[in-house]
């Protein structure tokens, strides 16, 4: 069963920063990305009808 997927558009600066941090945070990289997605989705839920 395929998990639901969320696409999040990030600015090039943000992507570059995450790539630089990847080496430092190692195994927690996926956790950081998931945290970003969770915060994004939480924000979307708070702003229903805002767009």
C-alpha atoms as a PDB file:
ATOM      1  CA  UNK A   1       0.000   0.000   0.000  1.00  0.00           C
ATOM      2  CA  UNK A   2       1.466   3.325  -1.065  1.00  0.00           C
ATOM      3  CA  UNK A   3       1.668   6.061   1.533  1.00  0.00           C
ATOM      4  CA  UNK A   4       0.083   9.429   0.901  1.00  0.00           C
ATOM      5  CA  UNK A   5       2.688  11.794  -0.446  1.00  0.00           C
ATOM      6  CA  UNK A   6       2.947  15.528   0.026  1.00  0.00           C
ATOM      7  CA  UNK A   7       4.877  17.781  -2.309  1.00  0.00           C
ATOM      8  CA  UNK A   8       6.404  20.836  -0.694  1.00  0.00           C
ATOM      9  CA  UNK A   9       7.988  23.510  -2.837  1.00  0.00           C
ATOM     10  CA  UNK A  10      11.128  24.939  -1.265  1.00  0.00           C
ATOM     11  CA  UNK A  11      13.212  27.846  -2.441  1.00  0.00           C
ATOM     12  CA  UNK A  12      16.635  27.060  -3.882  1.00  0.00           C
ATOM     13  CA  UNK A  13      18.258  28.751  -0.865  1.00  0.00           C
ATOM     14  CA  UNK A  14      16.358  26.460   1.492  1.00  0.00           C
ATOM     15  CA  UNK A  15      17.297  23.362  -0.494  1.00  0.00           C
ATOM     16  CA  UNK A  16      20.958  24.415  -0.538  1.00  0.00           C
ATOM     17  CA  UNK A  17      20.887  24.991   3.219  1.00  0.00           C
ATOM     18  CA  UNK A  18      19.318  21.567   3.822  1.00  0.00           C
ATOM     19  CA  UNK A  19      21.907  19.910   1.566  1.00  0.00           C
ATOM     20  CA  UNK A  20      24.740  21.557   3.500  1.00  0.00           C
ATOM     21  CA  UNK A  21      23.184  20.447   6.788  1.00  0.00           C
ATOM     22  CA  UNK A  22      22.606  16.881   5.581  1.00  0.00           C
ATOM     23  CA  UNK A  23      26.189  15.882   6.349  1.00  0.00           C
ATOM     24  CA  UNK A  24      25.981  17.366   9.837  1.00  0.00           C
ATOM     25  CA  UNK A  25      22.619  15.889  10.808  1.00  0.00           C
ATOM     26  CA  UNK A  26      23.071  12.559   9.018  1.00  0.00           C
ATOM     27  CA  UNK A  27      20.411  10.022   9.961  1.00  0.00           C
ATOM     28  CA  UNK A  28      18.077  12.708  11.239  1.00  0.00           C
ATOM     29  CA  UNK A  29      17.739  14.249   7.756  1.00  0.00           C
ATOM     30  CA  UNK A  30      14.451  12.427   7.085  1.00  0.00           C
ATOM     31  CA  UNK A  31      13.202  13.497  10.510  1.00  0.00           C
ATOM     32  CA  UNK A  32      13.943  17.135   9.684  1.00  0.00           C
ATOM     33  CA  UNK A  33      12.125  16.903   6.340  1.00  0.00           C
ATOM     34  CA  UNK A  34       9.145  15.163   7.972  1.00  0.00           C
ATOM     35  CA  UNK A  35       9.050  17.890  10.626  1.00  0.00           C
ATOM     36  CA  UNK A  36       8.989  20.568   7.907  1.00  0.00           C
ATOM     37  CA  UNK A  37       6.145  18.748   6.138  1.00  0.00           C
ATOM     38  CA  UNK A  38       4.193  18.297   9.394  1.00  0.00           C
ATOM     39  CA  UNK A  39       4.492  22.007  10.191  1.00  0.00           C
ATOM     40  CA  UNK A  40       3.460  22.878   6.633  1.00  0.00           C
ATOM     41  CA  UNK A  41       0.397  20.614   6.817  1.00  0.00           C
ATOM     42  CA  UNK A  42      -0.522  21.966  10.264  1.00  0.00           C
ATOM     43  CA  UNK A  43      -0.324  25.484   8.852  1.00  0.00           C
ATOM     44  CA  UNK A  44      -2.513  24.508   5.914  1.00  0.00           C
ATOM     45  CA  UNK A  45      -5.128  23.074   8.290  1.00  0.00           C
ATOM     46  CA  UNK A  46      -5.164  26.326  10.290  1.00  0.00           C
ATOM     47  CA  UNK A  47      -5.556  28.391   7.124  1.00  0.00           C
ATOM     48  CA  UNK A  48      -8.408  26.480   5.474  1.00  0.00           C
ATOM     49  CA  UNK A  49     -10.195  28.771   3.093  1.00  0.00           C
ATOM     50  CA  UNK A  50      -7.376  31.282   3.275  1.00  0.00           C
ATOM     51  CA  UNK A  51      -6.389  30.744  -0.344  1.00  0.00           C
END
